[in-house]
Amino acid sequence: MQSLSILIPAFNEQQRLPATLKTVASYLDARAPAFAEVLVVNDGSRDGTADVVRGFAAADARFVLLENPGNRGKGYAVRHGMQKARGEWVLFTDADLSAPIEELDKLWSAVERQGGDGAIGSRALDRSLIGVHQSFFRETSGKFFNLVMRMITGLPYRDTQCGFKLFSRAAAQAVCSRQRIEGFGFDVEILYIAQKHGFRIIEVPVRWNNVEGTKVSLWNGLQAFLDPLEVRRNDLRGLYR
């Protein structure tokens, strides 16, 4: 991988970001791609998230702060970052690194072997790789959501919601220019758009550990069940052409 953009959406992540950004910097130092950037998209944080990123950017030009116009949602933040990414490949990952950044090696290896346009991390393909589980309620809800999502959209993936996804620049640009959903349900939409436009996205089992402090409320979780219907509605309206 010669050229890489790592995208991290962040909302009130002042406490977790310093360790996360140090870990990402060490990973990039070890892999030494020809070009690398880390885009942290501040989604209207009310704490010192932006100041943390500014501090890293002052010491390391690979770090870039992007500011959303207020708290718009994770989907908006990912779209914003994809639009600004300069790498040939774009990875977006959660600020808590619940999927360790080293798991990017697995995604890239799958793309190289199978000739894909991207790869997504999955908790469902090999649950033995989950070190720290979510609550029984969240895990069960996630499995049920995936079943409903596949029935509505026809997508083949077992886990669309793992926040660890790699796209080629071409796929990222095609997806973000058509994306409509700004909240947590955007994952289904971007994978639907990618499939509609003929991009091959591979699902890869990754290590994953639940980290306390999720920003996904019960309402967000319930709303997510409506998002696959919104995706089909948008498609019927021709918004993904």
Protein backbone atom coordinates (compact mmCIF):
# COMPACT_ATOMS: atom_id res chain seq x y z
CA MET A 1 0.00 0.00 0.00
CA GLN A 2 1.77 3.11 -1.25
CA SER A 3 -0.74 5.80 -0.32
CA LEU A 4 -3.09 5.74 2.66
CA SER A 5 -5.57 8.03 4.36
CA ILE A 6 -6.80 7.01 7.81
CA LEU A 7 -10.06 8.67 8.77
CA ILE A 8 -11.20 8.94 12.40
CA PRO A 9 -14.61 10.49 13.17
CA ALA A 10 -14.53 11.99 16.66
CA PHE A 11 -17.17 13.37 19.01
CA ASN A 12 -16.05 14.29 22.54
CA GLU A 13 -12.98 12.06 22.33
CA GLN A 14 -10.49 14.21 24.27
CA GLN A 15 -9.67 11.41 26.69
CA ARG A 16 -9.21 8.55 24.21
CA LEU A 17 -7.64 10.34 21.25
CA PRO A 18 -4.08 10.86 22.56
CA ALA A 19 -3.44 7.14 22.98
CA THR A 20 -5.24 6.34 19.72
CA LEU A 21 -3.23 8.83 17.67
CA LYS A 22 0.06 7.65 19.19
CA THR A 23 -0.84 4.06 18.28
CA VAL A 24 -1.74 5.05 14.71
CA ALA A 25 1.49 7.04 14.34
CA SER A 26 3.55 4.03 15.51
CA TYR A 27 1.72 1.80 13.02
CA LEU A 28 2.48 4.17 10.15
CA ASP A 29 6.11 4.50 11.23
CA ALA A 30 6.49 0.71 11.09
CA ARG A 31 4.75 0.33 7.70
CA ALA A 32 6.24 3.51 6.18
CA PRO A 33 3.85 4.04 3.24
CA ALA A 34 5.03 6.52 0.62
CA PHE A 35 2.21 8.85 1.62
CA ALA A 36 0.07 8.74 4.74
CA GLU A 37 -2.34 11.10 6.43
CA VAL A 38 -4.58 10.82 9.47
CA LEU A 39 -7.76 12.86 9.13
CA VAL A 40 -9.58 13.40 12.42
CA VAL A 41 -13.06 14.75 11.77
CA ASN A 42 -14.31 16.69 14.78
CA ASP A 43 -18.09 16.33 14.86
CA GLY A 44 -18.96 19.37 16.96
CA SER A 45 -17.24 18.14 20.13
CA ARG A 46 -17.82 20.14 23.32
CA ASP A 47 -14.56 19.07 24.96
CA GLY A 48 -10.91 19.46 23.94
CA THR A 49 -11.00 17.02 21.01
CA ALA A 50 -9.94 19.66 18.48
CA ASP A 51 -7.10 20.89 20.69
CA VAL A 52 -5.73 17.35 21.01
CA VAL A 53 -5.61 16.99 17.23
CA ARG A 54 -4.06 20.43 16.78
CA GLY A 55 -1.29 19.42 19.17
CA PHE A 56 -0.51 16.30 17.16
CA ALA A 57 -0.72 18.20 13.86
CA ALA A 58 1.79 20.78 15.11
CA ALA A 59 4.33 18.03 15.76
CA ASP A 60 3.52 15.69 12.84
CA ALA A 61 2.28 16.89 9.44
CA ARG A 62 0.53 13.56 8.84
CA PHE A 63 -2.23 14.61 11.25
CA VAL A 64 -5.00 16.86 9.94
CA LEU A 65 -8.00 18.30 11.78
CA LEU A 66 -11.27 18.59 9.87
CA GLU A 67 -14.20 20.40 11.47
CA ASN A 68 -17.85 19.57 10.85
CA PRO A 69 -20.35 22.46 11.02
CA GLY A 70 -21.67 21.34 14.40
CA ASN A 71 -22.68 17.87 15.54
CA ARG A 72 -23.93 16.31 12.29
CA GLY A 73 -23.44 12.60 12.95
CA LYS A 74 -20.93 9.85 12.21
CA GLY A 75 -22.16 9.37 8.65
CA TYR A 76 -21.62 13.05 7.87
CA ALA A 77 -18.15 12.91 9.46
CA VAL A 78 -17.11 9.90 7.37
CA ARG A 79 -18.42 11.52 4.19
CA HIS A 80 -16.56 14.74 5.02
CA GLY A 81 -13.32 12.84 5.56
CA MET A 82 -13.71 10.77 2.40
CA GLN A 83 -14.19 13.93 0.37
CA LYS A 84 -10.92 15.37 1.69
CA ALA A 85 -8.83 12.17 1.66
CA ARG A 86 -5.82 12.23 -0.69
CA GLY A 87 -4.64 8.64 -0.35
CA GLU A 88 -5.18 5.93 -2.95
CA TRP A 89 -6.78 3.92 -0.15
CA VAL A 90 -9.00 5.22 2.63
CA LEU A 91 -9.57 3.48 5.95
CA PHE A 92 -12.06 4.73 8.47
CA THR A 93 -11.81 3.49 12.02
CA ASP A 94 -13.40 4.31 15.36
CA ALA A 95 -11.63 6.63 17.78
CA ASP A 96 -11.48 3.89 20.43
CA LEU A 97 -9.61 1.48 18.10
CA SER A 98 -12.00 -1.31 19.08
CA ALA A 99 -10.59 -3.00 16.00
CA PRO A 100 -6.81 -2.63 16.47
CA ILE A 101 -5.18 -0.58 13.73
CA GLU A 102 -2.89 -3.54 12.95
CA GLU A 103 -5.94 -5.38 11.59
CA LEU A 104 -5.61 -3.13 8.53
CA ASP A 105 -2.96 -5.61 7.39
CA LYS A 106 -5.70 -8.26 7.08
CA LEU A 107 -7.95 -5.98 5.04
CA TRP A 108 -5.15 -5.02 2.69
CA SER A 109 -4.01 -8.63 2.32
CA ALA A 110 -7.56 -9.67 1.35
CA VAL A 111 -7.75 -6.88 -1.23
CA GLU A 112 -4.39 -7.87 -2.72
CA ARG A 113 -5.23 -11.59 -2.88
CA GLN A 114 -8.77 -11.26 -4.18
CA GLY A 115 -8.50 -8.09 -6.23
CA GLY A 116 -11.20 -6.18 -4.38
CA ASP A 117 -12.03 -2.49 -4.29
CA GLY A 118 -12.15 -2.52 -0.52
CA ALA A 119 -12.59 -4.65 2.58
CA ILE A 120 -14.62 -4.36 5.76
CA GLY A 121 -13.83 -5.71 9.19
CA SER A 122 -16.32 -8.23 10.54
CA ARG A 123 -17.07 -9.46 14.05
CA ALA A 124 -19.54 -12.06 12.79
CA LEU A 125 -17.34 -14.28 10.60
CA ASP A 126 -15.16 -15.49 13.48
CA ARG A 127 -16.50 -14.57 16.91
CA SER A 128 -13.51 -16.20 18.60
CA LEU A 129 -11.59 -13.04 17.62
CA ILE A 130 -13.79 -10.92 19.90
CA GLY A 131 -11.79 -10.27 23.06
CA VAL A 132 -14.31 -8.16 24.99
CA HIS A 133 -17.96 -8.66 24.09
CA GLN A 134 -20.80 -6.18 24.10
CA SER A 135 -23.74 -6.80 26.41
CA PHE A 136 -26.00 -9.72 25.54
CA PHE A 137 -28.74 -7.25 24.54
CA ARG A 138 -26.49 -5.33 22.12
CA GLU A 139 -25.05 -8.47 20.55
CA THR A 140 -28.49 -10.01 20.08
CA SER A 141 -29.88 -6.76 18.68
CA GLY A 142 -26.94 -6.59 16.27
CA LYS A 143 -27.60 -10.10 14.96
CA PHE A 144 -31.29 -9.34 14.50
CA PHE A 145 -30.48 -6.06 12.76
CA ASN A 146 -28.20 -7.86 10.33
CA LEU A 147 -30.93 -10.36 9.46
CA VAL A 148 -33.44 -7.56 8.82
CA MET A 149 -30.87 -5.55 6.86
CA ARG A 150 -30.04 -8.45 4.53
CA MET A 151 -33.71 -9.16 3.88
CA ILE A 152 -34.41 -5.53 2.97
CA THR A 153 -31.29 -4.61 1.02
CA GLY A 154 -30.01 -7.92 -0.36
CA LEU A 155 -26.50 -7.16 0.89
CA PRO A 156 -24.53 -10.34 1.67
CA TYR A 157 -22.49 -9.07 4.65
CA ARG A 158 -22.76 -10.61 8.10
CA ASP A 159 -21.60 -7.45 9.89
CA THR A 160 -22.13 -4.06 8.29
CA GLN A 161 -21.74 -2.07 11.52
CA CYS A 162 -18.12 -2.75 12.46
CA GLY A 163 -16.43 0.65 12.21
CA PHE A 164 -13.35 -0.56 10.35
CA LYS A 165 -13.63 -0.24 6.58
CA LEU A 166 -11.13 0.18 3.75
CA PHE A 167 -12.04 1.59 0.33
CA SER A 168 -10.07 2.41 -2.77
CA ARG A 169 -10.13 6.10 -3.57
CA ALA A 170 -12.40 5.43 -6.58
CA ALA A 171 -14.91 3.53 -4.45
CA ALA A 172 -14.74 6.10 -1.65
CA GLN A 173 -15.43 8.99 -4.02
CA ALA A 174 -18.30 7.18 -5.76
CA VAL A 175 -19.87 6.34 -2.42
CA CYS A 176 -19.49 9.67 -0.60
CA SER A 177 -20.85 11.68 -3.54
CA ARG A 178 -24.16 9.75 -3.29
CA GLN A 179 -24.40 9.15 0.46
CA ARG A 180 -27.48 10.65 2.15
CA ILE A 181 -27.68 9.18 5.65
CA GLU A 182 -25.74 11.23 8.21
CA GLY A 183 -26.30 9.15 11.36
CA PHE A 184 -25.14 5.73 12.55
CA GLY A 185 -27.06 3.87 9.82
CA PHE A 186 -24.74 5.13 7.09
CA ASP A 187 -22.71 1.89 6.99
CA VAL A 188 -25.49 0.00 5.24
CA GLU A 189 -25.96 2.83 2.76
CA ILE A 190 -22.33 3.11 1.68
CA LEU A 191 -22.04 -0.66 1.18
CA TYR A 192 -25.29 -0.65 -0.81
CA ILE A 193 -24.01 2.16 -3.03
CA ALA A 194 -20.67 0.41 -3.54
CA GLN A 195 -22.39 -2.81 -4.61
CA LYS A 196 -24.80 -0.94 -6.90
CA HIS A 197 -21.85 0.63 -8.73
CA GLY A 198 -19.99 -2.63 -9.17
CA PHE A 199 -17.31 -2.26 -6.51
CA ARG A 200 -16.20 -5.49 -4.87
CA ILE A 201 -15.99 -5.13 -1.10
CA ILE A 202 -14.65 -8.14 0.83
CA GLU A 203 -15.75 -9.04 4.37
CA VAL A 204 -12.80 -10.02 6.58
CA PRO A 205 -12.83 -11.35 10.19
CA VAL A 206 -10.89 -9.04 12.52
CA ARG A 207 -9.95 -8.86 16.16
CA TRP A 208 -12.32 -6.62 18.09
CA ASN A 209 -12.81 -5.50 21.69
CA ASN A 210 -15.80 -3.63 23.04
CA VAL A 211 -14.73 -0.35 24.65
CA GLU A 212 -17.04 1.34 27.13
CA GLY A 213 -18.25 4.83 26.32
CA THR A 214 -20.26 4.15 23.15
CA LYS A 215 -21.97 7.16 21.55
CA VAL A 216 -24.77 4.93 20.19
CA SER A 217 -27.88 5.57 22.30
CA LEU A 218 -30.93 3.30 22.47
CA TRP A 219 -32.73 5.73 20.14
CA ASN A 220 -29.83 5.57 17.66
CA GLY A 221 -30.08 1.80 17.75
CA LEU A 222 -33.81 1.82 17.08
CA GLN A 223 -33.39 4.38 14.30
CA ALA A 224 -30.84 2.11 12.63
CA PHE A 225 -33.59 -0.44 11.93
CA LEU A 226 -35.34 2.13 9.73
CA ASP A 227 -32.24 3.06 7.76
CA PRO A 228 -32.26 -0.01 5.43
CA LEU A 229 -35.78 1.04 4.42
CA GLU A 230 -34.49 4.56 3.78
CA VAL A 231 -31.71 3.09 1.61
CA ARG A 232 -34.21 1.20 -0.54
CA ARG A 233 -36.40 4.30 -0.77
CA ASN A 234 -33.45 6.43 -1.87
CA ASP A 235 -32.54 3.84 -4.49
CA LEU A 236 -36.08 3.79 -5.88
CA ARG A 237 -35.95 7.60 -6.10
CA GLY A 238 -32.79 7.32 -8.20
CA LEU A 239 -30.52 9.03 -5.69
CA TYR A 240 -27.76 6.43 -6.04
CA ARG A 241 -27.45 6.54 -9.82
